[in-house]
Amino acid sequence: MTDKMLTCRDCGKEFVFTAGEQEFYAEKGFEHEPTRCPECRKANKAKRAAMRHNRRQD
């Protein structure tokens, strides 16, 4: 496997999907490549966590 260049669907920045990450995805049975760069994935995860936290307080 070789590294792949992908484009983030949120910010449009290109990022590397490394061979190691590809192997990890395959081991976990993930069928799709990531669509967000690591920075946008982290921001999206934080946003979802905040939404869950806010729902628990209601």
C-alpha atoms as a PDB file:
ATOM      1  CA  MET A   1       0.000   0.000   0.000  1.00  0.00           C
ATOM      2  CA  THR A   2       1.139   3.539  -0.672  1.00  0.00           C
ATOM      3  CA  ASP A   3       0.127   6.879   0.812  1.00  0.00           C
ATOM      4  CA  LYS A   4      -2.814   8.621  -0.878  1.00  0.00           C
ATOM      5  CA  MET A   5      -3.619  12.305  -1.172  1.00  0.00           C
ATOM      6  CA  LEU A   6      -7.260  13.059  -0.328  1.00  0.00           C
ATOM      7  CA  THR A   7      -9.226  16.312  -0.254  1.00  0.00           C
ATOM      8  CA  CYS A   8     -11.168  17.333   2.853  1.00  0.00           C
ATOM      9  CA  ARG A   9     -14.876  17.799   2.190  1.00  0.00           C
ATOM     10  CA  ASP A  10     -15.127  20.562   4.812  1.00  0.00           C
ATOM     11  CA  CYS A  11     -12.106  22.822   4.245  1.00  0.00           C
ATOM     12  CA  GLY A  12     -10.928  21.633   0.816  1.00  0.00           C
ATOM     13  CA  LYS A  13      -7.348  21.112   2.012  1.00  0.00           C
ATOM     14  CA  GLU A  14      -5.420  18.108   0.733  1.00  0.00           C
ATOM     15  CA  PHE A  15      -4.195  15.631   3.346  1.00  0.00           C
ATOM     16  CA  VAL A  16      -2.259  12.375   3.338  1.00  0.00           C
ATOM     17  CA  PHE A  17      -4.040   9.085   4.023  1.00  0.00           C
ATOM     18  CA  THR A  18      -0.973   7.075   5.000  1.00  0.00           C
ATOM     19  CA  ALA A  19      -0.400   3.417   4.226  1.00  0.00           C
ATOM     20  CA  GLY A  20      -0.524   2.747   7.976  1.00  0.00           C
ATOM     21  CA  GLU A  21      -3.894   4.471   8.289  1.00  0.00           C
ATOM     22  CA  GLN A  22      -5.167   2.482   5.317  1.00  0.00           C
ATOM     23  CA  GLU A  23      -4.089  -0.751   7.021  1.00  0.00           C
ATOM     24  CA  PHE A  24      -5.822   0.336  10.237  1.00  0.00           C
ATOM     25  CA  TYR A  25      -9.038   1.107   8.343  1.00  0.00           C
ATOM     26  CA  ALA A  26      -8.866  -2.300   6.629  1.00  0.00           C
ATOM     27  CA  GLU A  27      -8.292  -4.105   9.968  1.00  0.00           C
ATOM     28  CA  LYS A  28     -11.338  -2.365  11.457  1.00  0.00           C
ATOM     29  CA  GLY A  29     -13.464  -3.267   8.447  1.00  0.00           C
ATOM     30  CA  PHE A  30     -14.054   0.345   7.390  1.00  0.00           C
ATOM     31  CA  GLU A  31     -15.137   0.398   3.759  1.00  0.00           C
ATOM     32  CA  HIS A  32     -14.707   4.115   3.025  1.00  0.00           C
ATOM     33  CA  GLU A  33     -11.722   6.414   3.100  1.00  0.00           C
ATOM     34  CA  PRO A  34     -11.855   9.432   5.440  1.00  0.00           C
ATOM     35  CA  THR A  35     -13.545  12.467   3.920  1.00  0.00           C
ATOM     36  CA  ARG A  36     -12.214  15.037   6.405  1.00  0.00           C
ATOM     37  CA  CYS A  37      -8.640  16.061   7.208  1.00  0.00           C
ATOM     38  CA  PRO A  38      -7.393  15.341  10.740  1.00  0.00           C
ATOM     39  CA  GLU A  39      -8.053  18.934  11.863  1.00  0.00           C
ATOM     40  CA  CYS A  40     -11.652  18.919  10.599  1.00  0.00           C
ATOM     41  CA  ARG A  41     -12.225  15.425  12.046  1.00  0.00           C
ATOM     42  CA  LYS A  42     -11.066  16.695  15.436  1.00  0.00           C
ATOM     43  CA  ALA A  43     -13.277  19.805  15.201  1.00  0.00           C
ATOM     44  CA  ASN A  44     -16.285  17.725  14.097  1.00  0.00           C
ATOM     45  CA  LYS A  45     -15.758  15.269  16.963  1.00  0.00           C
ATOM     46  CA  ALA A  46     -15.579  18.129  19.488  1.00  0.00           C
ATOM     47  CA  LYS A  47     -18.743  19.682  18.027  1.00  0.00           C
ATOM     48  CA  ARG A  48     -20.640  16.367  18.350  1.00  0.00           C
ATOM     49  CA  ALA A  49     -19.403  15.899  21.928  1.00  0.00           C
ATOM     50  CA  ALA A  50     -20.578  19.405  22.856  1.00  0.00           C
ATOM     51  CA  MET A  51     -24.000  18.728  21.333  1.00  0.00           C
ATOM     52  CA  ARG A  52     -24.318  15.477  23.337  1.00  0.00           C
ATOM     53  CA  HIS A  53     -23.267  17.303  26.494  1.00  0.00           C
ATOM     54  CA  ASN A  54     -25.847  20.042  25.899  1.00  0.00           C
ATOM     55  CA  ARG A  55     -28.620  17.483  25.334  1.00  0.00           C
ATOM     56  CA  ARG A  56     -27.846  15.772  28.657  1.00  0.00           C
ATOM     57  CA  GLN A  57     -28.252  19.080  30.483  1.00  0.00           C
ATOM     58  CA  ASP A  58     -31.754  19.710  29.068  1.00  0.00           C
END
